[in-house]
Every structure is written in structure tokens, then in C-alpha cells.
Amino acid sequence: MENITIPEMLKKEKERFEMIFESFILENLVFLCMKIMNSIVVVGLYYGFMTTFSIGPSYLFLLRARLQFT
């Protein structure tokens, strides 16, 4: 067993705590960014499909008029 002084032990514990804390903060930031990006992508896809495949009332009236005259 090594003879480690108390200040050395405290220094090692502090370094270990800082590493764990930094990785925890980094993981949380990455998770938050991914969550925001996923939300943005989902909203973009939703509105993209809504605008691409939207059929408004005027288009329905146009189809109805064309069907009546054929």
C-alpha cells in the first residue's frame, strides 16, 4: 500500500470529481442539443408535408367543377 498524504488524496479526489462533473455537463449539453435538433427536424418535416400536400377549399372546388363538366 502506498503512503499517500492527505493533500495528495484530496488533490486526486478533486481531479476525479472535476472529470466526472465535466463529462456529466458535456453529456447533458449533447443530450439537450440533440433533443432540440430532433424537435426542429420533426416540426420542419410536419410543416413541409403540410405545405406540399395541402389541399385547400379552393382546390376542392376546382376539382368538383372539373368533375361536373366532364
PDB file of N, CA and C in Angstrom:
ATOM      1  N   MET A   1       0.841  -1.189   0.000  1.00  0.00           N
ATOM      2  CA  MET A   1       0.000   0.000   0.000  1.00  0.00           C
ATOM      3  C   MET A   1       0.880   1.245   0.000  1.00  0.00           C
ATOM      4  N   GLU A   2       0.501   2.207  -0.786  1.00  0.00           N
ATOM      5  CA  GLU A   2       1.297   3.431  -0.903  1.00  0.00           C
ATOM      6  C   GLU A   2       1.077   4.331   0.301  1.00  0.00           C
ATOM      7  N   ASN A   3       2.070   5.109   0.582  1.00  0.00           N
ATOM      8  CA  ASN A   3       1.935   6.141   1.613  1.00  0.00           C
ATOM      9  C   ASN A   3       1.592   7.450   0.917  1.00  0.00           C
ATOM     10  N   ILE A   4       0.315   7.775   0.913  1.00  0.00           N
ATOM     11  CA  ILE A   4      -0.156   8.997   0.263  1.00  0.00           C
ATOM     12  C   ILE A   4      -0.584   9.967   1.347  1.00  0.00           C
ATOM     13  N   THR A   5      -0.138  11.186   1.199  1.00  0.00           N
ATOM     14  CA  THR A   5      -0.518  12.193   2.193  1.00  0.00           C
ATOM     15  C   THR A   5      -1.940  12.664   1.922  1.00  0.00           C
ATOM     16  N   ILE A   6      -2.516  13.281   2.912  1.00  0.00           N
ATOM     17  CA  ILE A   6      -3.902  13.747   2.799  1.00  0.00           C
ATOM     18  C   ILE A   6      -4.057  14.799   1.701  1.00  0.00           C
ATOM     19  N   PRO A   7      -3.155  15.785   1.589  1.00  0.00           N
ATOM     20  CA  PRO A   7      -3.314  16.749   0.479  1.00  0.00           C
ATOM     21  C   PRO A   7      -3.264  16.084  -0.905  1.00  0.00           C
ATOM     22  N   GLU A   8      -2.417  15.057  -1.050  1.00  0.00           N
ATOM     23  CA  GLU A   8      -2.362  14.351  -2.334  1.00  0.00           C
ATOM     24  C   GLU A   8      -3.670  13.614  -2.603  1.00  0.00           C
ATOM     25  N   MET A   9      -4.218  12.992  -1.561  1.00  0.00           N
ATOM     26  CA  MET A   9      -5.501  12.301  -1.708  1.00  0.00           C
ATOM     27  C   MET A   9      -6.599  13.279  -2.100  1.00  0.00           C
ATOM     28  N   LEU A  10      -6.605  14.439  -1.428  1.00  0.00           N
ATOM     29  CA  LEU A  10      -7.621  15.446  -1.738  1.00  0.00           C
ATOM     30  C   LEU A  10      -7.477  15.955  -3.171  1.00  0.00           C
ATOM     31  N   LYS A  11      -6.225  16.115  -3.603  1.00  0.00           N
ATOM     32  CA  LYS A  11      -5.983  16.583  -4.962  1.00  0.00           C
ATOM     33  C   LYS A  11      -6.491  15.557  -5.982  1.00  0.00           C
ATOM     34  N   LYS A  12      -6.215  14.262  -5.723  1.00  0.00           N
ATOM     35  CA  LYS A  12      -6.688  13.216  -6.635  1.00  0.00           C
ATOM     36  C   LYS A  12      -8.211  13.149  -6.653  1.00  0.00           C
ATOM     37  N   GLU A  13      -8.827  13.270  -5.489  1.00  0.00           N
ATOM     38  CA  GLU A  13     -10.291  13.243  -5.421  1.00  0.00           C
ATOM     39  C   GLU A  13     -10.895  14.435  -6.155  1.00  0.00           C
ATOM     40  N   LYS A  14     -10.254  15.591  -5.996  1.00  0.00           N
ATOM     41  CA  LYS A  14     -10.744  16.791  -6.677  1.00  0.00           C
ATOM     42  C   LYS A  14     -10.653  16.619  -8.191  1.00  0.00           C
ATOM     43  N   GLU A  15      -9.525  16.085  -8.673  1.00  0.00           N
ATOM     44  CA  GLU A  15      -9.363  15.862 -10.108  1.00  0.00           C
ATOM     45  C   GLU A  15     -10.398  14.863 -10.623  1.00  0.00           C
ATOM     46  N   ARG A  16     -10.622  13.811  -9.849  1.00  0.00           N
ATOM     47  CA  ARG A  16     -11.611  12.803 -10.242  1.00  0.00           C
ATOM     48  C   ARG A  16     -13.013  13.413 -10.301  1.00  0.00           C
ATOM     49  N   PHE A  17     -13.342  14.217  -9.297  1.00  0.00           N
ATOM     50  CA  PHE A  17     -14.649  14.873  -9.270  1.00  0.00           C
ATOM     51  C   PHE A  17     -14.810  15.817 -10.454  1.00  0.00           C
ATOM     52  N   GLU A  18     -13.755  16.586 -10.765  1.00  0.00           N
ATOM     53  CA  GLU A  18     -13.825  17.518 -11.891  1.00  0.00           C
ATOM     54  C   GLU A  18     -14.034  16.783 -13.208  1.00  0.00           C
ATOM     55  N   MET A  19     -13.368  15.643 -13.380  1.00  0.00           N
ATOM     56  CA  MET A  19     -13.535  14.869 -14.613  1.00  0.00           C
ATOM     57  C   MET A  19     -14.966  14.344 -14.737  1.00  0.00           C
ATOM     58  N   ILE A  20     -15.502  13.831 -13.643  1.00  0.00           N
ATOM     59  CA  ILE A  20     -16.875  13.316 -13.661  1.00  0.00           C
ATOM     60  C   ILE A  20     -17.855  14.450 -13.931  1.00  0.00           C
ATOM     61  N   PHE A  21     -17.645  15.594 -13.275  1.00  0.00           N
ATOM     62  CA  PHE A  21     -18.536  16.741 -13.444  1.00  0.00           C
ATOM     63  C   PHE A  21     -18.500  17.253 -14.879  1.00  0.00           C
ATOM     64  N   GLU A  22     -17.290  17.360 -15.460  1.00  0.00           N
ATOM     65  CA  GLU A  22     -17.165  17.837 -16.836  1.00  0.00           C
ATOM     66  C   GLU A  22     -17.845  16.888 -17.818  1.00  0.00           C
ATOM     67  N   SER A  23     -17.667  15.593 -17.618  1.00  0.00           N
ATOM     68  CA  SER A  23     -18.311  14.643 -18.531  1.00  0.00           C
ATOM     69  C   SER A  23     -19.831  14.685 -18.366  1.00  0.00           C
ATOM     70  N   PHE A  24     -20.296  14.886 -17.130  1.00  0.00           N
ATOM     71  CA  PHE A  24     -21.736  14.982 -16.878  1.00  0.00           C
ATOM     72  C   PHE A  24     -22.323  16.199 -17.584  1.00  0.00           C
ATOM     73  N   ILE A  25     -21.645  17.341 -17.462  1.00  0.00           N
ATOM     74  CA  ILE A  25     -22.109  18.574 -18.121  1.00  0.00           C
ATOM     75  C   ILE A  25     -22.093  18.389 -19.640  1.00  0.00           C
ATOM     76  N   LEU A  26     -21.024  17.797 -20.166  1.00  0.00           N
ATOM     77  CA  LEU A  26     -20.911  17.593 -21.610  1.00  0.00           C
ATOM     78  C   LEU A  26     -22.021  16.679 -22.120  1.00  0.00           C
ATOM     79  N   GLU A  27     -22.287  15.584 -21.395  1.00  0.00           N
ATOM     80  CA  GLU A  27     -23.352  14.672 -21.811  1.00  0.00           C
ATOM     81  C   GLU A  27     -24.705  15.373 -21.800  1.00  0.00           C
ATOM     82  N   ASN A  28     -24.955  16.180 -20.781  1.00  0.00           N
ATOM     83  CA  ASN A  28     -26.236  16.886 -20.710  1.00  0.00           C
ATOM     84  C   ASN A  28     -26.377  17.895 -21.842  1.00  0.00           C
ATOM     85  N   LEU A  29     -25.294  18.595 -22.170  1.00  0.00           N
ATOM     86  CA  LEU A  29     -25.354  19.557 -23.269  1.00  0.00           C
ATOM     87  C   LEU A  29     -25.609  18.854 -24.600  1.00  0.00           C
ATOM     88  N   VAL A  30     -24.932  17.734 -24.808  1.00  0.00           N
ATOM     89  CA  VAL A  30     -25.133  16.980 -26.048  1.00  0.00           C
ATOM     90  C   VAL A  30     -26.570  16.473 -26.120  1.00  0.00           C
ATOM     91  N   PHE A  31     -27.085  15.950 -25.003  1.00  0.00           N
ATOM     92  CA  PHE A  31     -28.459  15.446 -24.967  1.00  0.00           C
ATOM     93  C   PHE A  31     -29.449  16.569 -25.261  1.00  0.00           C
ATOM     94  N   LEU A  32     -29.233  17.738 -24.661  1.00  0.00           N
ATOM     95  CA  LEU A  32     -30.128  18.872 -24.881  1.00  0.00           C
ATOM     96  C   LEU A  32     -30.096  19.323 -26.340  1.00  0.00           C
ATOM     97  N   CYS A  33     -28.900  19.410 -26.919  1.00  0.00           N
ATOM     98  CA  CYS A  33     -28.782  19.813 -28.325  1.00  0.00           C
ATOM     99  C   CYS A  33     -29.471  18.809 -29.245  1.00  0.00           C
ATOM    100  N   MET A  34     -29.302  17.521 -28.964  1.00  0.00           N
ATOM    101  CA  MET A  34     -29.945  16.503 -29.787  1.00  0.00           C
ATOM    102  C   MET A  34     -31.462  16.589 -29.682  1.00  0.00           C
ATOM    103  N   LYS A  35     -31.949  16.855 -28.477  1.00  0.00           N
ATOM    104  CA  LYS A  35     -33.392  16.959 -28.284  1.00  0.00           C
ATOM    105  C   LYS A  35     -33.949  18.160 -29.062  1.00  0.00           C
ATOM    106  N   ILE A  36     -33.242  19.284 -29.008  1.00  0.00           N
ATOM    107  CA  ILE A  36     -33.681  20.479 -29.737  1.00  0.00           C
ATOM    108  C   ILE A  36     -33.641  20.226 -31.244  1.00  0.00           C
ATOM    109  N   MET A  37     -32.557  19.600 -31.719  1.00  0.00           N
ATOM    110  CA  MET A  37     -32.437  19.330 -33.152  1.00  0.00           C
ATOM    111  C   MET A  37     -33.532  18.377 -33.624  1.00  0.00           C
ATOM    112  N   ASN A  38     -33.832  17.354 -32.825  1.00  0.00           N
ATOM    113  CA  ASN A  38     -34.903  16.426 -33.200  1.00  0.00           C
ATOM    114  C   ASN A  38     -36.238  17.158 -33.284  1.00  0.00           C
ATOM    115  N   SER A  39     -36.491  18.065 -32.355  1.00  0.00           N
ATOM    116  CA  SER A  39     -37.740  18.821 -32.380  1.00  0.00           C
ATOM    117  C   SER A  39     -37.817  19.697 -33.626  1.00  0.00           C
ATOM    118  N   ILE A  40     -36.707  20.332 -33.954  1.00  0.00           N
ATOM    119  CA  ILE A  40     -36.682  21.200 -35.133  1.00  0.00           C
ATOM    120  C   ILE A  40     -36.922  20.382 -36.400  1.00  0.00           C
ATOM    121  N   VAL A  41     -36.296  19.214 -36.488  1.00  0.00           N
ATOM    122  CA  VAL A  41     -36.468  18.363 -37.669  1.00  0.00           C
ATOM    123  C   VAL A  41     -37.914  17.895 -37.785  1.00  0.00           C
ATOM    124  N   VAL A  42     -38.508  17.480 -36.678  1.00  0.00           N
ATOM    125  CA  VAL A  42     -39.897  16.999 -36.706  1.00  0.00           C
ATOM    126  C   VAL A  42     -40.840  18.123 -37.125  1.00  0.00           C
ATOM    127  N   VAL A  43     -40.659  19.310 -36.569  1.00  0.00           N
ATOM    128  CA  VAL A  43     -41.520  20.441 -36.935  1.00  0.00           C
ATOM    129  C   VAL A  43     -41.323  20.793 -38.406  1.00  0.00           C
ATOM    130  N   GLY A  44     -40.079  20.778 -38.868  1.00  0.00           N
ATOM    131  CA  GLY A  44     -39.809  21.070 -40.275  1.00  0.00           C
ATOM    132  C   GLY A  44     -40.454  20.069 -41.212  1.00  0.00           C
ATOM    133  N   LEU A  45     -40.353  18.790 -40.873  1.00  0.00           N
ATOM    134  CA  LEU A  45     -40.997  17.768 -41.703  1.00  0.00           C
ATOM    135  C   LEU A  45     -42.510  17.927 -41.702  1.00  0.00           C
ATOM    136  N   TYR A  46     -43.066  18.201 -40.539  1.00  0.00           N
ATOM    137  CA  TYR A  46     -44.520  18.356 -40.428  1.00  0.00           C
ATOM    138  C   TYR A  46     -45.009  19.493 -41.323  1.00  0.00           C
ATOM    139  N   TYR A  47     -44.388  20.676 -41.173  1.00  0.00           N
ATOM    140  CA  TYR A  47     -44.843  21.812 -41.973  1.00  0.00           C
ATOM    141  C   TYR A  47     -44.478  21.648 -43.442  1.00  0.00           C
ATOM    142  N   GLY A  48     -43.385  20.945 -43.724  1.00  0.00           N
ATOM    143  CA  GLY A  48     -43.040  20.678 -45.115  1.00  0.00           C
ATOM    144  C   GLY A  48     -44.087  19.824 -45.797  1.00  0.00           C
ATOM    145  N   PHE A  49     -44.508  18.763 -45.117  1.00  0.00           N
ATOM    146  CA  PHE A  49     -45.555  17.912 -45.694  1.00  0.00           C
ATOM    147  C   PHE A  49     -46.890  18.640 -45.752  1.00  0.00           C
ATOM    148  N   MET A  50     -47.157  19.455 -44.746  1.00  0.00           N
ATOM    149  CA  MET A  50     -48.425  20.192 -44.744  1.00  0.00           C
ATOM    150  C   MET A  50     -48.500  21.143 -45.941  1.00  0.00           C
ATOM    151  N   THR A  51     -47.396  21.814 -46.244  1.00  0.00           N
ATOM    152  CA  THR A  51     -47.430  22.758 -47.366  1.00  0.00           C
ATOM    153  C   THR A  51     -47.352  22.044 -48.704  1.00  0.00           C
ATOM    154  N   THR A  52     -46.680  20.896 -48.751  1.00  0.00           N
ATOM    155  CA  THR A  52     -46.551  20.175 -50.019  1.00  0.00           C
ATOM    156  C   THR A  52     -47.850  19.489 -50.407  1.00  0.00           C
ATOM    157  N   PHE A  53     -48.483  18.843 -49.453  1.00  0.00           N
ATOM    158  CA  PHE A  53     -49.662  18.035 -49.753  1.00  0.00           C
ATOM    159  C   PHE A  53     -50.961  18.679 -49.289  1.00  0.00           C
ATOM    160  N   SER A  54     -50.935  19.978 -49.108  1.00  0.00           N
ATOM    161  CA  SER A  54     -52.158  20.617 -48.624  1.00  0.00           C
ATOM    162  C   SER A  54     -53.155  20.778 -49.765  1.00  0.00           C
ATOM    163  N   ILE A  55     -54.395  20.529 -49.461  1.00  0.00           N
ATOM    164  CA  ILE A  55     -55.479  20.732 -50.426  1.00  0.00           C
ATOM    165  C   ILE A  55     -56.445  21.707 -49.771  1.00  0.00           C
ATOM    166  N   GLY A  56     -56.458  22.911 -50.266  1.00  0.00           N
ATOM    167  CA  GLY A  56     -57.329  23.930 -49.700  1.00  0.00           C
ATOM    168  C   GLY A  56     -58.728  23.849 -50.281  1.00  0.00           C
ATOM    169  N   PRO A  57     -59.641  24.616 -49.726  1.00  0.00           N
ATOM    170  CA  PRO A  57     -61.031  24.613 -50.216  1.00  0.00           C
ATOM    171  C   PRO A  57     -61.139  25.025 -51.678  1.00  0.00           C
ATOM    172  N   SER A  58     -60.326  25.989 -52.104  1.00  0.00           N
ATOM    173  CA  SER A  58     -60.430  26.437 -53.498  1.00  0.00           C
ATOM    174  C   SER A  58     -60.035  25.321 -54.460  1.00  0.00           C
ATOM    175  N   TYR A  59     -59.040  24.529 -54.096  1.00  0.00           N
ATOM    176  CA  TYR A  59     -58.636  23.417 -54.956  1.00  0.00           C
ATOM    177  C   TYR A  59     -59.730  22.351 -55.005  1.00  0.00           C
ATOM    178  N   LEU A  60     -60.389  22.116 -53.876  1.00  0.00           N
ATOM    179  CA  LEU A  60     -61.501  21.153 -53.863  1.00  0.00           C
ATOM    180  C   LEU A  60     -62.645  21.623 -54.760  1.00  0.00           C
ATOM    181  N   PHE A  61     -62.947  22.936 -54.723  1.00  0.00           N
ATOM    182  CA  PHE A  61     -63.997  23.471 -55.599  1.00  0.00           C
ATOM    183  C   PHE A  61     -63.606  23.333 -57.075  1.00  0.00           C
ATOM    184  N   LEU A  62     -62.308  23.535 -57.372  1.00  0.00           N
ATOM    185  CA  LEU A  62     -61.831  23.383 -58.745  1.00  0.00           C
ATOM    186  C   LEU A  62     -62.004  21.941 -59.214  1.00  0.00           C
ATOM    187  N   LEU A  63     -61.646  20.984 -58.385  1.00  0.00           N
ATOM    188  CA  LEU A  63     -61.819  19.577 -58.747  1.00  0.00           C
ATOM    189  C   LEU A  63     -63.293  19.241 -58.957  1.00  0.00           C
ATOM    190  N   ARG A  64     -64.138  19.761 -58.090  1.00  0.00           N
ATOM    191  CA  ARG A  64     -65.580  19.499 -58.201  1.00  0.00           C
ATOM    192  C   ARG A  64     -66.129  20.067 -59.512  1.00  0.00           C
ATOM    193  N   ALA A  65     -65.691  21.284 -59.858  1.00  0.00           N
ATOM    194  CA  ALA A  65     -66.157  21.908 -61.094  1.00  0.00           C
ATOM    195  C   ALA A  65     -65.677  21.117 -62.309  1.00  0.00           C
ATOM    196  N   ARG A  66     -64.445  20.648 -62.283  1.00  0.00           N
ATOM    197  CA  ARG A  66     -63.930  19.871 -63.414  1.00  0.00           C
ATOM    198  C   ARG A  66     -64.674  18.550 -63.548  1.00  0.00           C
ATOM    199  N   LEU A  67     -64.999  17.921 -62.435  1.00  0.00           N
ATOM    200  CA  LEU A  67     -65.712  16.643 -62.493  1.00  0.00           C
ATOM    201  C   LEU A  67     -67.133  16.825 -63.022  1.00  0.00           C
ATOM    202  N   GLN A  68     -67.754  17.958 -62.712  1.00  0.00           N
ATOM    203  CA  GLN A  68     -69.123  18.196 -63.173  1.00  0.00           C
ATOM    204  C   GLN A  68     -69.169  18.418 -64.679  1.00  0.00           C
ATOM    205  N   PHE A  69     -68.129  19.032 -65.243  1.00  0.00           N
ATOM    206  CA  PHE A  69     -68.151  19.363 -66.666  1.00  0.00           C
ATOM    207  C   PHE A  69     -67.522  18.296 -67.544  1.00  0.00           C
ATOM    208  N   THR A  70     -67.130  17.180 -66.971  1.00  0.00           N
ATOM    209  CA  THR A  70     -66.552  16.142 -67.832  1.00  0.00           C
ATOM    210  C   THR A  70     -67.560  15.094 -68.189  1.00  0.00           C
TER     211      THR A  70
END
